[in-house]
Amino acid sequence: MKTKYLFLLLVLLSGISANAQFRKYTFGLRAAPQIYWMKPNTEKYEGNGVKLGFSWGFVGEYNYTPNYSFSTGFNLLFNGGKLKFPATVSSDTGTMARTYYLKSIEIPLTLKMRTNPIDNIRYYGQIGLGTAFRFDARNSDEFVHGNTTVTTGKATYSNTSFLRESLIIGLGAEYIMKAGTILSTGVAFNNGFTDMLTGKNSSNSSVRENATSSFVELNVAVLF
């Protein structure tokens, strides 16, 4: 009989220990270098390569089971894109290479799916949506006509969308340190699907500019 009670006590203690490792809410900070680009959806417009960007922000997670959680927070995004297209400047017609520098606040909402711990490491997959609100936009131009090239520095640019919607897909790993602190790292693809440009082409005012922006980032976060 005593053995039976001892066994029940051990089961109860193990259950308490397991629950102590599971926290419904975790919060932390993140930072992420990025590679970003723009994809035009306007005739005669071309993407003009990639650039390096950066983001940082706050992370909050609601863990409704040990393996599944909803993740949100806010991110400050510093990115944009590069496009090349026909343009007219001061009656000269040529090719414009424009670089866009955008600053936005993004609010992501994703579903995070984790494995069970393997030597204090959990692997995860993540999918969801991001909504970003632009608060600053600048551009720099390189205009080529004939044998002449005119380059301008950064200037305020107004013909960009205030709102950006995106699909977020990510993979990564979490290392569970002492006292429950979690070090998380992973790679995410943030695929924008709403138009980022609102202007018209300077050579043909009937052509409305249209392009989406996307980026890949390597994110690092510390969760408490």
Protein backbone atom coordinates (compact mmCIF):
# COMPACT_ATOMS: atom_id res chain seq x y z
CA MET A 1 0.00 0.00 0.00
CA LYS A 2 2.83 2.44 0.88
CA THR A 3 4.44 1.66 -2.48
CA LYS A 4 1.21 2.61 -4.21
CA TYR A 5 1.05 5.99 -2.43
CA LEU A 6 4.71 6.63 -3.17
CA PHE A 7 4.09 5.94 -6.85
CA LEU A 8 1.13 8.37 -6.92
CA LEU A 9 3.24 11.02 -5.18
CA LEU A 10 6.01 10.67 -7.79
CA VAL A 11 3.49 10.97 -10.62
CA LEU A 12 2.03 14.12 -9.04
CA LEU A 13 5.46 15.71 -8.55
CA SER A 14 6.49 14.94 -12.11
CA GLY A 15 3.29 16.59 -13.33
CA ILE A 16 4.01 19.69 -11.25
CA SER A 17 7.57 19.80 -12.59
CA ALA A 18 6.35 19.52 -16.20
CA ASN A 19 3.83 22.33 -15.66
CA ALA A 20 6.55 24.48 -14.13
CA GLN A 21 8.47 24.29 -17.41
CA PHE A 22 5.40 25.39 -19.41
CA ARG A 23 4.61 29.09 -19.43
CA LYS A 24 1.53 30.46 -21.14
CA TYR A 25 3.14 33.81 -21.92
CA THR A 26 6.65 34.70 -23.04
CA PHE A 27 7.99 38.12 -24.01
CA GLY A 28 11.24 39.35 -25.44
CA LEU A 29 13.25 41.42 -27.89
CA ARG A 30 14.37 40.60 -31.41
CA ALA A 31 16.76 41.91 -34.08
CA ALA A 32 17.13 40.82 -37.70
CA PRO A 33 19.41 41.75 -40.62
CA GLN A 34 17.59 41.51 -43.96
CA ILE A 35 18.02 41.20 -47.70
CA TYR A 36 15.19 43.05 -49.44
CA TRP A 37 13.98 43.73 -52.97
CA MET A 38 11.04 44.99 -55.03
CA LYS A 39 9.09 43.15 -57.71
CA PRO A 40 7.40 45.48 -60.26
CA ASN A 41 4.01 44.72 -61.78
CA THR A 42 4.16 47.56 -64.31
CA GLU A 43 5.15 47.13 -67.96
CA LYS A 44 8.75 48.23 -68.74
CA TYR A 45 9.61 48.34 -65.04
CA GLU A 46 12.37 46.02 -63.79
CA GLY A 47 13.73 44.97 -60.44
CA ASN A 48 17.24 46.35 -59.96
CA GLY A 49 18.85 44.02 -57.45
CA VAL A 50 18.77 43.61 -53.68
CA LYS A 51 19.90 45.67 -50.70
CA LEU A 52 20.65 45.08 -47.03
CA GLY A 53 18.13 46.17 -44.42
CA PHE A 54 17.42 45.71 -40.76
CA SER A 55 14.58 45.34 -38.27
CA TRP A 56 14.19 45.17 -34.51
CA GLY A 57 11.28 44.98 -32.14
CA PHE A 58 9.28 43.35 -29.36
CA VAL A 59 7.94 39.77 -29.31
CA GLY A 60 4.98 38.43 -27.32
CA GLU A 61 3.83 34.81 -27.43
CA TYR A 62 0.70 33.12 -26.09
CA ASN A 63 1.51 29.43 -25.65
CA TYR A 64 -1.81 27.61 -25.55
CA THR A 65 -0.05 24.20 -25.51
CA PRO A 66 3.65 23.31 -25.04
CA ASN A 67 3.98 22.87 -28.82
CA TYR A 68 1.73 25.57 -30.26
CA SER A 69 1.54 29.31 -29.75
CA PHE A 70 0.36 32.56 -31.28
CA SER A 71 3.16 35.09 -31.76
CA THR A 72 2.76 38.84 -32.22
CA GLY A 73 4.48 42.09 -31.23
CA PHE A 74 5.84 44.95 -33.30
CA ASN A 75 8.85 45.39 -35.59
CA LEU A 76 10.54 48.54 -36.86
CA LEU A 77 11.46 47.84 -40.50
CA PHE A 78 14.21 49.71 -42.35
CA ASN A 79 14.11 48.47 -45.97
CA GLY A 80 12.59 49.29 -49.37
CA GLY A 81 13.74 48.22 -52.85
CA LYS A 82 15.32 49.13 -56.18
CA LEU A 83 13.61 49.59 -59.57
CA LYS A 84 14.67 50.60 -63.08
CA PHE A 85 12.18 52.16 -65.54
CA PRO A 86 11.79 54.69 -68.39
CA ALA A 87 11.50 58.30 -67.19
CA THR A 88 11.48 61.90 -68.34
CA VAL A 89 13.32 64.58 -66.35
CA SER A 90 13.35 68.22 -67.53
CA SER A 91 12.22 67.14 -71.03
CA ASP A 92 15.06 64.57 -71.25
CA THR A 93 13.93 60.97 -71.75
CA GLY A 94 16.06 58.14 -70.44
CA THR A 95 16.25 55.39 -67.81
CA MET A 96 15.75 55.93 -64.09
CA ALA A 97 17.36 53.66 -61.48
CA ARG A 98 15.54 54.49 -58.24
CA THR A 99 16.28 53.19 -54.75
CA TYR A 100 13.47 53.36 -52.18
CA TYR A 101 14.20 53.66 -48.44
CA LEU A 102 11.13 52.86 -46.36
CA LYS A 103 10.59 52.91 -42.59
CA SER A 104 7.58 51.05 -41.23
CA ILE A 105 6.06 49.63 -38.08
CA GLU A 106 4.94 46.03 -38.65
CA ILE A 107 2.51 44.06 -36.47
CA PRO A 108 2.87 40.33 -37.24
CA LEU A 109 0.43 37.60 -36.19
CA THR A 110 1.75 34.08 -36.70
CA LEU A 111 1.11 30.51 -35.60
CA LYS A 112 4.26 28.91 -34.16
CA MET A 113 4.60 25.10 -34.08
CA ARG A 114 7.40 23.55 -31.98
CA THR A 115 8.91 20.11 -31.53
CA ASN A 116 9.46 18.63 -28.07
CA PRO A 117 12.85 19.57 -26.54
CA ILE A 118 15.87 17.64 -27.80
CA ASP A 119 18.85 18.34 -25.49
CA ASN A 120 17.28 21.71 -24.52
CA ILE A 121 16.69 22.63 -28.17
CA ARG A 122 13.27 22.94 -29.81
CA TYR A 123 12.78 23.38 -33.54
CA TYR A 124 9.88 25.39 -34.90
CA GLY A 125 7.97 26.35 -37.98
CA GLN A 126 6.01 29.59 -38.26
CA ILE A 127 3.35 30.94 -40.61
CA GLY A 128 1.11 33.98 -40.53
CA LEU A 129 0.47 37.51 -41.75
CA GLY A 130 2.13 40.87 -41.23
CA THR A 131 0.58 44.34 -41.41
CA ALA A 132 3.02 47.26 -41.74
CA PHE A 133 2.35 51.01 -41.51
CA ARG A 134 4.85 53.26 -43.30
CA PHE A 135 5.91 56.39 -41.42
CA ASP A 136 8.80 57.57 -43.63
CA ALA A 137 9.82 57.20 -47.29
CA ARG A 138 12.85 58.51 -49.15
CA ASN A 139 14.48 57.82 -52.49
CA SER A 140 17.73 58.33 -54.37
CA ASP A 141 17.89 58.41 -58.19
CA GLU A 142 20.34 57.75 -60.98
CA PHE A 143 18.99 59.10 -64.27
CA VAL A 144 20.75 58.11 -67.50
CA HIS A 145 19.99 59.81 -70.85
CA GLY A 146 22.40 59.46 -73.75
CA ASN A 147 25.93 59.68 -72.34
CA THR A 148 24.86 61.69 -69.30
CA THR A 149 24.23 60.32 -65.81
CA VAL A 150 22.61 62.45 -63.10
CA THR A 151 22.70 61.17 -59.52
CA THR A 152 20.72 62.64 -56.63
CA GLY A 153 21.00 62.05 -52.88
CA LYS A 154 18.22 60.90 -50.58
CA ALA A 155 15.08 62.99 -50.73
CA THR A 156 11.58 62.73 -49.26
CA TYR A 157 9.35 60.59 -51.46
CA SER A 158 5.54 60.68 -51.16
CA ASN A 159 4.33 58.20 -53.80
CA THR A 160 4.39 55.09 -51.59
CA SER A 161 1.57 53.21 -49.92
CA PHE A 162 0.89 53.72 -46.22
CA LEU A 163 -0.17 50.08 -45.71
CA ARG A 164 1.70 46.86 -46.53
CA GLU A 165 0.32 43.33 -46.10
CA SER A 166 2.54 40.26 -46.24
CA LEU A 167 2.73 36.49 -45.77
CA ILE A 168 5.32 35.35 -43.23
CA ILE A 169 6.92 31.88 -43.32
CA GLY A 170 9.79 30.92 -41.00
CA LEU A 171 11.91 28.08 -39.62
CA GLY A 172 14.23 28.12 -36.64
CA ALA A 173 15.36 26.77 -33.30
CA GLU A 174 15.03 27.71 -29.64
CA TYR A 175 17.65 26.99 -27.00
CA ILE A 176 16.25 26.75 -23.47
CA MET A 177 18.78 28.21 -21.06
CA LYS A 178 18.87 28.13 -17.26
CA ALA A 179 16.02 29.86 -15.41
CA GLY A 180 13.81 29.36 -18.48
CA THR A 181 15.29 32.09 -20.68
CA ILE A 182 14.99 31.17 -24.37
CA LEU A 183 17.43 32.13 -27.12
CA SER A 184 15.69 31.89 -30.48
CA THR A 185 17.16 32.13 -33.97
CA GLY A 186 15.68 31.47 -37.38
CA VAL A 187 15.16 32.46 -41.01
CA ALA A 188 11.92 34.03 -42.24
CA PHE A 189 10.56 34.95 -45.66
CA ASN A 190 8.31 38.02 -45.57
CA ASN A 191 6.46 38.12 -48.90
CA GLY A 192 4.60 41.38 -49.54
CA PHE A 193 1.45 41.08 -51.67
CA THR A 194 0.05 44.64 -51.68
CA ASP A 195 1.14 47.46 -53.98
CA MET A 196 3.78 49.74 -52.45
CA LEU A 197 3.73 52.52 -55.08
CA THR A 198 1.04 55.13 -55.74
CA GLY A 199 2.68 57.39 -58.35
CA LYS A 200 2.58 57.57 -62.14
CA ASN A 201 5.34 57.27 -64.70
CA SER A 202 6.96 60.59 -65.63
CA SER A 203 7.21 59.62 -69.33
CA ASN A 204 3.62 58.41 -69.60
CA SER A 205 1.15 59.72 -67.01
CA SER A 206 -1.40 57.05 -67.97
CA VAL A 207 0.94 54.36 -66.54
CA ARG A 208 0.39 53.82 -62.84
CA GLU A 209 3.36 52.45 -60.91
CA ASN A 210 2.86 49.12 -59.13
CA ALA A 211 5.37 47.00 -57.19
CA THR A 212 5.49 44.71 -54.17
CA SER A 213 8.32 44.53 -51.64
CA SER A 214 9.68 41.39 -49.94
CA PHE A 215 12.60 40.38 -47.76
CA VAL A 216 14.41 37.45 -46.17
CA GLU A 217 15.71 37.95 -42.64
CA LEU A 218 17.88 36.18 -40.09
CA ASN A 219 16.24 36.89 -36.75
CA VAL A 220 17.62 36.51 -33.24
CA ALA A 221 15.42 36.90 -30.15
CA VAL A 222 15.71 36.53 -26.40
CA LEU A 223 12.47 35.48 -24.64
CA PHE A 224 11.73 35.58 -20.92
